[in-house]
Amino acid sequence: MKIGTTARVLVAGAAVLAAFGVSGTAQADAPGQLLQFRSPSGNIACEFTTAIGGKPGIVCNIADYTYTPPQRPDWCKDGNWGSSFFLAEGGTPAFGCQGQGFSSDGLPILYFSHSTTSGNITCLSEAEGITCTDTSTGHYFRVARESYELH
């Protein structure tokens, strides 16, 4: 997938947000809504956030994976590449350049067959991984230990 200038800015912003945001206690805007969560295994941690330009977005980071990510881009020289995924409302999903590791400790679990939504983005937890979809565009990413998909 070729990443244009706008996507680079969003992904770079996601890297900053991911570096600071995936820890702590979940807060909810509505009953049953998780703004931060982890997969049942604790291998994937996600956070709904605000992207550059004020659009809602989701960042998910995976600790251990066996898939092969795309080649590291030049703009991601110092960060971890291949373990961070980002989707902003109205945008397309992309890899992020994560500045530091993450911890899913203390995050609430999004159990299999359960979902949580913020704005137009819904994330579903399944045994096959976590899928986050922008329901206004149909764009999504799916991340699991063995594979990923950006659409």
N, C-alpha and C. Protein backbone atom coordinates (compact mmCIF):
# COMPACT_ATOMS: atom_id res chain seq x y z
N MET A 1 0.84 -1.16 0.00
CA MET A 1 0.00 0.00 0.00
C MET A 1 0.89 1.23 0.00
N LYS A 2 0.68 2.14 -0.93
CA LYS A 2 1.45 3.37 -1.00
C LYS A 2 0.82 4.39 -0.07
N ILE A 3 1.64 5.03 0.73
CA ILE A 3 1.13 5.99 1.70
C ILE A 3 1.45 7.39 1.19
N GLY A 4 0.42 8.22 1.04
CA GLY A 4 0.59 9.60 0.60
C GLY A 4 0.94 10.51 1.76
N THR A 5 1.12 11.80 1.45
CA THR A 5 1.53 12.77 2.46
C THR A 5 0.53 12.86 3.60
N THR A 6 -0.76 12.91 3.28
CA THR A 6 -1.77 13.01 4.33
C THR A 6 -1.72 11.81 5.25
N ALA A 7 -1.60 10.62 4.66
CA ALA A 7 -1.55 9.40 5.48
C ALA A 7 -0.31 9.41 6.35
N ARG A 8 0.83 9.92 5.82
CA ARG A 8 2.04 9.98 6.63
C ARG A 8 1.82 10.85 7.87
N VAL A 9 1.14 11.97 7.67
CA VAL A 9 0.86 12.86 8.80
C VAL A 9 -0.03 12.17 9.82
N LEU A 10 -1.07 11.49 9.34
CA LEU A 10 -1.97 10.77 10.25
C LEU A 10 -1.24 9.66 10.98
N VAL A 11 -0.40 8.92 10.24
CA VAL A 11 0.33 7.82 10.87
C VAL A 11 1.35 8.36 11.86
N ALA A 12 2.03 9.44 11.51
CA ALA A 12 2.99 10.03 12.44
C ALA A 12 2.26 10.50 13.70
N GLY A 13 1.09 11.11 13.52
CA GLY A 13 0.29 11.51 14.66
C GLY A 13 -0.15 10.33 15.48
N ALA A 14 -0.49 9.25 14.80
CA ALA A 14 -0.90 8.03 15.50
C ALA A 14 0.25 7.49 16.33
N ALA A 15 1.47 7.60 15.79
CA ALA A 15 2.62 7.10 16.53
C ALA A 15 2.78 7.86 17.84
N VAL A 16 2.60 9.16 17.79
CA VAL A 16 2.71 9.97 19.01
C VAL A 16 1.60 9.58 19.98
N LEU A 17 0.38 9.47 19.47
CA LEU A 17 -0.75 9.11 20.33
C LEU A 17 -0.56 7.71 20.90
N ALA A 18 -0.09 6.79 20.08
CA ALA A 18 0.11 5.42 20.55
C ALA A 18 1.19 5.36 21.62
N ALA A 19 2.21 6.19 21.47
CA ALA A 19 3.30 6.17 22.42
C ALA A 19 2.86 6.62 23.80
N PHE A 20 1.85 7.48 23.87
CA PHE A 20 1.43 8.03 25.15
C PHE A 20 0.10 7.51 25.64
N GLY A 21 -0.70 6.88 24.76
CA GLY A 21 -2.08 6.65 25.12
C GLY A 21 -2.51 5.28 25.55
N VAL A 22 -1.76 4.25 25.34
CA VAL A 22 -2.30 2.92 25.60
C VAL A 22 -1.86 2.41 26.97
N SER A 23 -2.39 3.06 27.99
CA SER A 23 -2.17 2.62 29.36
C SER A 23 -3.21 3.29 30.22
N GLY A 24 -3.32 2.86 31.44
CA GLY A 24 -4.24 3.51 32.35
C GLY A 24 -5.58 2.83 32.43
N THR A 25 -6.56 3.57 32.92
CA THR A 25 -7.89 3.03 33.15
C THR A 25 -8.83 3.49 32.06
N ALA A 26 -9.71 2.62 31.64
CA ALA A 26 -10.67 2.98 30.60
C ALA A 26 -11.69 3.96 31.15
N GLN A 27 -12.11 4.85 30.28
CA GLN A 27 -13.20 5.75 30.59
C GLN A 27 -14.23 5.58 29.49
N ALA A 28 -15.48 5.80 29.80
CA ALA A 28 -16.52 5.59 28.81
C ALA A 28 -17.35 6.85 28.63
N ASP A 29 -17.73 7.12 27.38
CA ASP A 29 -18.67 8.19 27.09
C ASP A 29 -20.09 7.71 27.29
N ALA A 30 -20.31 6.43 27.13
CA ALA A 30 -21.65 5.84 27.27
C ALA A 30 -21.50 4.51 27.99
N PRO A 31 -22.54 4.07 28.70
CA PRO A 31 -22.46 2.78 29.39
C PRO A 31 -22.09 1.66 28.42
N GLY A 32 -21.14 0.83 28.80
CA GLY A 32 -20.74 -0.30 27.99
C GLY A 32 -19.71 0.03 26.92
N GLN A 33 -19.36 1.30 26.77
CA GLN A 33 -18.39 1.70 25.75
C GLN A 33 -17.00 1.72 26.38
N LEU A 34 -16.06 1.05 25.75
CA LEU A 34 -14.67 1.05 26.21
C LEU A 34 -13.87 1.96 25.30
N LEU A 35 -13.19 2.94 25.84
CA LEU A 35 -12.34 3.80 25.03
C LEU A 35 -10.92 3.26 24.96
N GLN A 36 -10.54 2.43 25.91
CA GLN A 36 -9.28 1.69 25.89
C GLN A 36 -9.63 0.25 26.22
N PHE A 37 -8.97 -0.69 25.54
CA PHE A 37 -9.27 -2.09 25.80
C PHE A 37 -8.13 -2.96 25.32
N ARG A 38 -8.19 -4.23 25.72
CA ARG A 38 -7.20 -5.21 25.27
C ARG A 38 -7.92 -6.46 24.82
N SER A 39 -7.22 -7.25 24.04
CA SER A 39 -7.75 -8.55 23.63
C SER A 39 -7.73 -9.48 24.84
N PRO A 40 -8.50 -10.56 24.80
CA PRO A 40 -8.49 -11.49 25.94
C PRO A 40 -7.10 -12.03 26.28
N SER A 41 -6.23 -12.20 25.27
CA SER A 41 -4.88 -12.69 25.54
C SER A 41 -3.97 -11.60 26.10
N GLY A 42 -4.36 -10.33 25.93
CA GLY A 42 -3.50 -9.22 26.34
C GLY A 42 -2.45 -8.87 25.30
N ASN A 43 -2.45 -9.56 24.17
CA ASN A 43 -1.45 -9.32 23.13
C ASN A 43 -1.74 -8.07 22.31
N ILE A 44 -2.99 -7.64 22.25
CA ILE A 44 -3.38 -6.46 21.48
C ILE A 44 -4.02 -5.46 22.43
N ALA A 45 -3.59 -4.21 22.34
CA ALA A 45 -4.17 -3.14 23.14
C ALA A 45 -4.59 -2.02 22.20
N CYS A 46 -5.77 -1.44 22.44
CA CYS A 46 -6.31 -0.41 21.55
C CYS A 46 -6.81 0.77 22.35
N GLU A 47 -6.85 1.91 21.66
CA GLU A 47 -7.40 3.11 22.27
C GLU A 47 -8.07 3.97 21.22
N PHE A 48 -9.31 4.38 21.50
CA PHE A 48 -9.96 5.39 20.68
C PHE A 48 -9.30 6.71 21.03
N THR A 49 -9.05 7.52 20.01
CA THR A 49 -8.31 8.74 20.22
C THR A 49 -8.77 9.80 19.23
N THR A 50 -8.19 10.96 19.28
CA THR A 50 -8.46 12.02 18.32
C THR A 50 -7.25 12.16 17.41
N ALA A 51 -7.50 12.06 16.11
CA ALA A 51 -6.42 12.16 15.13
C ALA A 51 -6.13 13.63 14.83
N ILE A 52 -5.06 13.87 14.11
CA ILE A 52 -4.75 15.21 13.64
C ILE A 52 -5.94 15.72 12.84
N GLY A 53 -6.34 16.94 13.07
CA GLY A 53 -7.51 17.49 12.41
C GLY A 53 -8.78 17.29 13.21
N GLY A 54 -8.66 16.66 14.39
CA GLY A 54 -9.80 16.50 15.28
C GLY A 54 -10.72 15.35 14.97
N LYS A 55 -10.39 14.51 13.99
CA LYS A 55 -11.25 13.37 13.66
C LYS A 55 -11.02 12.24 14.65
N PRO A 56 -12.10 11.55 15.02
CA PRO A 56 -11.94 10.38 15.89
C PRO A 56 -11.14 9.29 15.18
N GLY A 57 -10.41 8.52 15.94
CA GLY A 57 -9.62 7.44 15.37
C GLY A 57 -9.40 6.33 16.40
N ILE A 58 -8.77 5.27 15.94
CA ILE A 58 -8.42 4.13 16.80
C ILE A 58 -6.97 3.76 16.53
N VAL A 59 -6.23 3.47 17.58
CA VAL A 59 -4.86 2.97 17.50
C VAL A 59 -4.84 1.62 18.20
N CYS A 60 -4.31 0.59 17.54
CA CYS A 60 -4.12 -0.72 18.16
C CYS A 60 -2.66 -1.11 18.02
N ASN A 61 -2.11 -1.66 19.08
CA ASN A 61 -0.73 -2.13 19.10
C ASN A 61 -0.72 -3.60 19.48
N ILE A 62 0.15 -4.35 18.82
CA ILE A 62 0.28 -5.78 19.11
C ILE A 62 1.69 -6.04 19.65
N ALA A 63 1.78 -6.80 20.73
CA ALA A 63 3.07 -7.05 21.37
C ALA A 63 3.87 -8.12 20.62
N ASP A 64 3.26 -9.27 20.36
CA ASP A 64 3.94 -10.38 19.70
C ASP A 64 3.21 -10.75 18.43
N TYR A 65 3.95 -10.84 17.32
CA TYR A 65 3.34 -11.22 16.05
C TYR A 65 4.31 -12.05 15.23
N THR A 66 3.74 -12.87 14.32
CA THR A 66 4.56 -13.71 13.43
C THR A 66 4.40 -13.31 11.98
N TYR A 67 3.49 -12.38 11.64
CA TYR A 67 3.33 -11.92 10.26
C TYR A 67 4.55 -11.07 9.86
N THR A 68 4.70 -10.87 8.57
CA THR A 68 5.77 -10.01 8.05
C THR A 68 5.16 -8.68 7.65
N PRO A 69 5.52 -7.59 8.34
CA PRO A 69 4.97 -6.28 7.97
C PRO A 69 5.61 -5.78 6.68
N PRO A 70 5.01 -4.77 6.05
CA PRO A 70 5.65 -4.19 4.87
C PRO A 70 6.99 -3.57 5.24
N GLN A 71 7.77 -3.26 4.23
CA GLN A 71 9.09 -2.66 4.46
C GLN A 71 8.96 -1.35 5.24
N ARG A 72 9.88 -1.14 6.14
CA ARG A 72 9.90 0.08 6.97
C ARG A 72 10.11 1.29 6.06
N PRO A 73 9.24 2.30 6.17
CA PRO A 73 9.41 3.51 5.36
C PRO A 73 10.52 4.40 5.92
N ASP A 74 11.05 5.26 5.09
CA ASP A 74 12.12 6.16 5.51
C ASP A 74 11.71 7.07 6.66
N TRP A 75 10.43 7.46 6.72
CA TRP A 75 9.98 8.39 7.75
C TRP A 75 9.88 7.73 9.13
N CYS A 76 10.05 6.41 9.20
CA CYS A 76 10.01 5.71 10.49
C CYS A 76 11.40 5.14 10.79
N LYS A 77 12.31 6.03 11.12
CA LYS A 77 13.69 5.59 11.35
C LYS A 77 13.93 5.10 12.77
N ASP A 78 13.28 5.73 13.74
CA ASP A 78 13.60 5.45 15.14
C ASP A 78 12.53 4.69 15.90
N GLY A 79 11.38 4.44 15.29
CA GLY A 79 10.29 3.79 16.00
C GLY A 79 10.20 2.31 15.70
N ASN A 80 9.33 1.65 16.45
CA ASN A 80 9.03 0.24 16.18
C ASN A 80 8.10 0.19 14.98
N TRP A 81 8.40 -0.63 14.02
CA TRP A 81 7.60 -0.72 12.81
C TRP A 81 6.95 -2.11 12.74
N GLY A 82 5.67 -2.12 12.40
CA GLY A 82 4.99 -3.38 12.18
C GLY A 82 4.05 -3.80 13.27
N SER A 83 4.04 -3.06 14.39
CA SER A 83 3.22 -3.48 15.52
C SER A 83 2.09 -2.50 15.86
N SER A 84 1.95 -1.42 15.11
CA SER A 84 0.95 -0.41 15.41
C SER A 84 0.06 -0.15 14.19
N PHE A 85 -1.26 -0.11 14.43
CA PHE A 85 -2.24 0.09 13.37
C PHE A 85 -3.11 1.29 13.73
N PHE A 86 -3.51 2.05 12.70
CA PHE A 86 -4.27 3.27 12.94
C PHE A 86 -5.36 3.43 11.90
N LEU A 87 -6.51 3.92 12.34
CA LEU A 87 -7.61 4.24 11.44
C LEU A 87 -8.31 5.48 11.97
N ALA A 88 -8.40 6.53 11.14
CA ALA A 88 -9.15 7.74 11.49
C ALA A 88 -10.45 7.73 10.71
N GLU A 89 -11.51 8.27 11.30
CA GLU A 89 -12.78 8.36 10.59
C GLU A 89 -12.59 9.04 9.25
N GLY A 90 -13.13 8.41 8.20
CA GLY A 90 -13.03 8.96 6.86
C GLY A 90 -11.72 8.65 6.16
N GLY A 91 -10.77 8.00 6.85
CA GLY A 91 -9.47 7.70 6.27
C GLY A 91 -9.31 6.23 5.94
N THR A 92 -8.12 5.87 5.56
CA THR A 92 -7.80 4.48 5.30
C THR A 92 -6.85 3.98 6.39
N PRO A 93 -6.90 2.71 6.70
CA PRO A 93 -6.03 2.17 7.76
C PRO A 93 -4.57 2.15 7.31
N ALA A 94 -3.68 2.25 8.28
CA ALA A 94 -2.25 2.26 7.98
C ALA A 94 -1.47 1.76 9.18
N PHE A 95 -0.24 1.37 8.90
CA PHE A 95 0.70 1.07 9.98
C PHE A 95 1.15 2.38 10.60
N GLY A 96 1.45 2.35 11.89
CA GLY A 96 2.02 3.50 12.57
C GLY A 96 3.46 3.22 12.91
N CYS A 97 4.17 4.25 13.27
CA CYS A 97 5.55 4.15 13.70
C CYS A 97 5.56 4.42 15.20
N GLN A 98 5.54 3.37 15.97
CA GLN A 98 5.38 3.48 17.42
C GLN A 98 6.69 3.84 18.08
N GLY A 99 6.66 4.88 18.91
CA GLY A 99 7.87 5.38 19.55
C GLY A 99 8.36 4.52 20.70
N GLN A 100 7.46 3.80 21.36
CA GLN A 100 7.86 2.97 22.49
C GLN A 100 6.89 1.81 22.61
N GLY A 101 7.24 0.85 23.42
CA GLY A 101 6.39 -0.32 23.63
C GLY A 101 5.10 0.05 24.32
N PHE A 102 4.26 -0.93 24.54
CA PHE A 102 2.99 -0.67 25.20
C PHE A 102 2.75 -1.74 26.23
N SER A 103 1.83 -1.43 27.10
CA SER A 103 1.41 -2.40 28.09
C SER A 103 -0.10 -2.45 28.10
N SER A 104 -0.63 -3.65 28.08
CA SER A 104 -2.08 -3.80 28.17
C SER A 104 -2.52 -4.00 29.62
N ASP A 105 -1.55 -3.99 30.54
CA ASP A 105 -1.87 -4.18 31.95
C ASP A 105 -2.90 -3.14 32.41
N GLY A 106 -3.91 -3.61 33.10
CA GLY A 106 -4.91 -2.71 33.66
C GLY A 106 -6.01 -2.31 32.71
N LEU A 107 -5.88 -2.62 31.42
CA LEU A 107 -6.94 -2.27 30.47
C LEU A 107 -8.07 -3.29 30.56
N PRO A 108 -9.31 -2.84 30.40
CA PRO A 108 -10.42 -3.79 30.40
C PRO A 108 -10.35 -4.69 29.17
N ILE A 109 -10.87 -5.90 29.30
CA ILE A 109 -10.85 -6.89 28.22
C ILE A 109 -12.07 -6.70 27.34
N LEU A 110 -11.85 -6.70 26.02
CA LEU A 110 -12.94 -6.76 25.06
C LEU A 110 -13.05 -8.24 24.68
N TYR A 111 -13.98 -8.93 25.30
CA TYR A 111 -14.11 -10.38 25.13
C TYR A 111 -14.55 -10.74 23.72
N PHE A 112 -14.23 -11.98 23.31
CA PHE A 112 -14.62 -12.47 21.99
C PHE A 112 -16.12 -12.29 21.77
N SER A 113 -16.48 -11.94 20.56
CA SER A 113 -17.87 -11.70 20.13
C SER A 113 -18.45 -10.42 20.70
N HIS A 114 -17.63 -9.59 21.33
CA HIS A 114 -18.08 -8.29 21.85
C HIS A 114 -17.45 -7.18 21.02
N SER A 115 -18.13 -6.04 20.99
CA SER A 115 -17.61 -4.90 20.25
C SER A 115 -17.78 -3.64 21.08
N THR A 116 -17.07 -2.61 20.67
CA THR A 116 -17.20 -1.29 21.28
C THR A 116 -17.09 -0.26 20.17
N THR A 117 -17.78 0.86 20.33
CA THR A 117 -17.88 1.86 19.27
C THR A 117 -17.61 3.25 19.82
N SER A 118 -16.91 4.05 19.03
CA SER A 118 -16.75 5.47 19.31
C SER A 118 -16.90 6.18 17.98
N GLY A 119 -17.86 7.10 17.89
CA GLY A 119 -18.13 7.76 16.62
C GLY A 119 -18.56 6.73 15.59
N ASN A 120 -17.93 6.74 14.43
CA ASN A 120 -18.24 5.77 13.36
C ASN A 120 -17.33 4.56 13.37
N ILE A 121 -16.45 4.44 14.37
CA ILE A 121 -15.51 3.32 14.40
C ILE A 121 -15.95 2.30 15.42
N THR A 122 -16.07 1.07 14.95
CA THR A 122 -16.46 -0.06 15.80
C THR A 122 -15.34 -1.10 15.77
N CYS A 123 -14.97 -1.59 16.94
CA CYS A 123 -13.97 -2.65 17.05
C CYS A 123 -14.64 -3.90 17.59
N LEU A 124 -14.36 -5.02 16.94
CA LEU A 124 -14.91 -6.32 17.30
C LEU A 124 -13.78 -7.26 17.69
N SER A 125 -13.93 -7.92 18.82
CA SER A 125 -12.95 -8.90 19.27
C SER A 125 -13.43 -10.30 18.90
N GLU A 126 -12.57 -11.05 18.24
CA GLU A 126 -12.87 -12.43 17.85
C GLU A 126 -11.63 -13.28 18.11
N ALA A 127 -11.80 -14.57 18.12
CA ALA A 127 -10.66 -15.47 18.31
C ALA A 127 -9.61 -15.24 17.21
N GLU A 128 -10.06 -14.78 16.04
CA GLU A 128 -9.16 -14.54 14.90
C GLU A 128 -8.44 -13.20 15.01
N GLY A 129 -8.73 -12.38 16.01
CA GLY A 129 -8.07 -11.09 16.17
C GLY A 129 -9.06 -9.98 16.43
N ILE A 130 -8.58 -8.76 16.35
CA ILE A 130 -9.43 -7.59 16.55
C ILE A 130 -9.57 -6.88 15.21
N THR A 131 -10.81 -6.56 14.86
CA THR A 131 -11.11 -5.83 13.64
C THR A 131 -11.75 -4.51 14.01
N CYS A 132 -11.20 -3.41 13.49
CA CYS A 132 -11.76 -2.07 13.72
C CYS A 132 -12.19 -1.52 12.37
N THR A 133 -13.47 -1.11 12.28
CA THR A 133 -14.08 -0.69 11.03
C THR A 133 -14.66 0.71 11.16
N ASP A 134 -14.44 1.53 10.14
CA ASP A 134 -15.12 2.81 10.02
C ASP A 134 -16.43 2.52 9.29
N THR A 135 -17.53 2.55 10.00
CA THR A 135 -18.82 2.16 9.42
C THR A 135 -19.30 3.16 8.37
N SER A 136 -18.73 4.37 8.35
CA SER A 136 -19.13 5.35 7.34
C SER A 136 -18.47 5.11 5.99
N THR A 137 -17.32 4.41 5.98
CA THR A 137 -16.59 4.17 4.73
C THR A 137 -16.42 2.69 4.41
N GLY A 138 -16.51 1.84 5.42
CA GLY A 138 -16.24 0.41 5.23
C GLY A 138 -14.76 0.07 5.35
N HIS A 139 -13.89 1.06 5.51
CA HIS A 139 -12.46 0.77 5.68
C HIS A 139 -12.23 0.13 7.05
N TYR A 140 -11.26 -0.77 7.11
CA TYR A 140 -10.99 -1.47 8.36
C TYR A 140 -9.56 -1.98 8.40
N PHE A 141 -9.13 -2.34 9.59
CA PHE A 141 -7.93 -3.16 9.75
C PHE A 141 -8.29 -4.31 10.67
N ARG A 142 -7.61 -5.43 10.46
CA ARG A 142 -7.73 -6.59 11.32
C ARG A 142 -6.32 -6.97 11.70
N VAL A 143 -6.11 -7.21 12.98
CA VAL A 143 -4.78 -7.57 13.45
C VAL A 143 -4.89 -8.80 14.36
N ALA A 144 -3.98 -9.73 14.15
CA ALA A 144 -3.88 -10.96 14.94
C ALA A 144 -2.40 -11.36 14.99
N ARG A 145 -2.06 -12.25 15.86
CA ARG A 145 -0.67 -12.69 15.99
C ARG A 145 -0.10 -13.19 14.66
N GLU A 146 -0.89 -13.94 13.90
CA GLU A 146 -0.40 -14.57 12.67
C GLU A 146 -0.56 -13.73 11.42
N SER A 147 -1.44 -12.70 11.44
CA SER A 147 -1.71 -11.97 10.19
C SER A 147 -2.33 -10.61 10.49
N TYR A 148 -2.38 -9.81 9.43
CA TYR A 148 -3.06 -8.51 9.50
C TYR A 148 -3.72 -8.27 8.15
N GLU A 149 -4.67 -7.35 8.13
CA GLU A 149 -5.30 -6.95 6.89
C GLU A 149 -5.66 -5.48 6.98
N LEU A 150 -5.35 -4.73 5.93
CA LEU A 150 -5.72 -3.32 5.82
C LEU A 150 -6.63 -3.20 4.61
N HIS A 151 -7.81 -2.63 4.81
CA HIS A 151 -8.74 -2.50 3.68
C HIS A 151 -9.47 -1.16 3.75
